[in-house]
Amino acid sequence: MKADKRLSAFMRLTFRRQHDIQGFIVDFYCAELRLAIEIDGRVHNLQKEYGSMRQTLIEERGVSFIRVKNDDIHKDVNILLNRIREFV
């Protein structure tokens, strides 16, 4: 995935891929920012209710979320990078 390489060098932040938070796996996690990034694809569309519940439980632990569509990342990874920049 393009996002892997771009995230690893972005703003000198460390992003872990497939990171466990209280038994839930998030696509990417930055401990410095307490930020989870979810790349939503077809599977996420089939599990919206579960995903919403899961996100709420993680947010209750002080973690923020950025969600982007997989198709958007493939078109232009800067969409995600700009969202992170705005968050910071």
Protein backbone atom coordinates (compact mmCIF):
# COMPACT_ATOMS: atom_id res chain seq x y z
CA MET A 1 0.00 0.00 0.00
CA LYS A 2 1.28 3.48 -0.85
CA ALA A 3 0.28 4.78 2.56
CA ASP A 4 2.80 2.55 4.37
CA LYS A 5 5.89 4.23 2.95
CA ARG A 6 4.50 7.74 3.02
CA LEU A 7 3.33 7.46 6.63
CA SER A 8 6.66 6.13 7.85
CA ALA A 9 8.43 9.37 6.88
CA PHE A 10 5.59 11.82 7.46
CA MET A 11 6.29 14.65 9.93
CA ARG A 12 8.83 12.40 11.70
CA LEU A 13 5.99 10.51 13.35
CA THR A 14 5.99 6.77 13.93
CA PHE A 15 2.99 4.85 12.64
CA ARG A 16 2.52 1.20 13.49
CA ARG A 17 0.62 -0.96 11.04
CA GLN A 18 -2.06 -3.40 12.26
CA HIS A 19 -1.73 -2.18 15.85
CA ASP A 20 -3.67 -3.71 18.75
CA ILE A 21 -5.60 -1.36 21.02
CA GLN A 22 -7.39 -3.17 23.84
CA GLY A 23 -7.98 -6.23 21.67
CA PHE A 24 -9.02 -4.28 18.56
CA ILE A 25 -6.75 -3.99 15.52
CA VAL A 26 -6.49 -0.62 13.77
CA ASP A 27 -4.91 -0.19 10.35
CA PHE A 28 -2.34 2.36 11.55
CA TYR A 29 -1.58 3.88 14.95
CA CYS A 30 0.58 6.81 16.03
CA ALA A 31 1.28 6.65 19.78
CA GLU A 32 2.71 10.20 19.87
CA LEU A 33 -0.63 11.59 18.69
CA ARG A 34 -2.87 8.85 20.14
CA LEU A 35 -4.28 8.65 16.61
CA ALA A 36 -5.73 5.63 14.84
CA ILE A 37 -6.10 5.62 11.09
CA GLU A 38 -8.61 3.36 9.41
CA ILE A 39 -8.54 2.72 5.68
CA ASP A 40 -12.12 1.76 4.86
CA GLY A 41 -12.62 -0.75 2.08
CA ARG A 42 -15.37 -3.18 1.13
CA VAL A 43 -15.08 -5.18 4.36
CA HIS A 44 -15.72 -2.06 6.43
CA ASN A 45 -18.91 -1.41 4.45
CA LEU A 46 -20.23 -4.82 5.47
CA GLN A 47 -19.42 -4.26 9.15
CA LYS A 48 -20.50 -0.67 9.76
CA GLU A 49 -22.30 -1.35 13.04
CA TYR A 50 -19.37 -3.31 14.48
CA GLY A 51 -16.91 -0.71 13.24
CA SER A 52 -18.86 2.10 14.87
CA MET A 53 -19.03 0.26 18.20
CA ARG A 54 -15.35 -0.61 18.02
CA GLN A 55 -14.37 3.00 17.25
CA THR A 56 -16.46 4.29 20.17
CA LEU A 57 -14.80 1.89 22.61
CA ILE A 58 -11.33 2.89 21.41
CA GLU A 59 -12.17 6.61 21.52
CA GLU A 60 -13.28 6.16 25.14
CA ARG A 61 -9.64 5.28 25.82
CA GLY A 62 -8.49 8.66 24.51
CA VAL A 63 -7.63 7.65 20.95
CA SER A 64 -8.76 9.82 18.03
CA PHE A 65 -9.65 8.42 14.60
CA ILE A 66 -9.14 9.44 11.02
CA ARG A 67 -11.07 7.34 8.51
CA VAL A 68 -10.42 7.44 4.78
CA LYS A 69 -11.71 5.35 1.93
CA ASN A 70 -9.36 2.87 0.33
CA ASP A 71 -10.28 4.17 -3.13
CA ASP A 72 -9.29 7.71 -2.10
CA ILE A 73 -5.87 6.51 -0.89
CA HIS A 74 -5.24 4.76 -4.20
CA LYS A 75 -6.17 7.91 -6.12
CA ASP A 76 -4.08 10.28 -3.99
CA VAL A 77 -2.36 9.38 -0.71
CA ASN A 78 -2.04 13.11 0.01
CA ILE A 79 -5.72 13.04 1.02
CA LEU A 80 -4.70 11.08 4.11
CA LEU A 81 -1.53 13.06 4.74
CA ASN A 82 -3.49 16.33 4.63
CA ARG A 83 -6.03 14.96 7.12
CA ILE A 84 -3.21 14.03 9.50
CA ARG A 85 -1.62 17.46 9.06
CA GLU A 86 -4.97 19.09 9.91
CA PHE A 87 -5.30 16.88 12.99
CA VAL A 88 -1.85 17.87 14.25
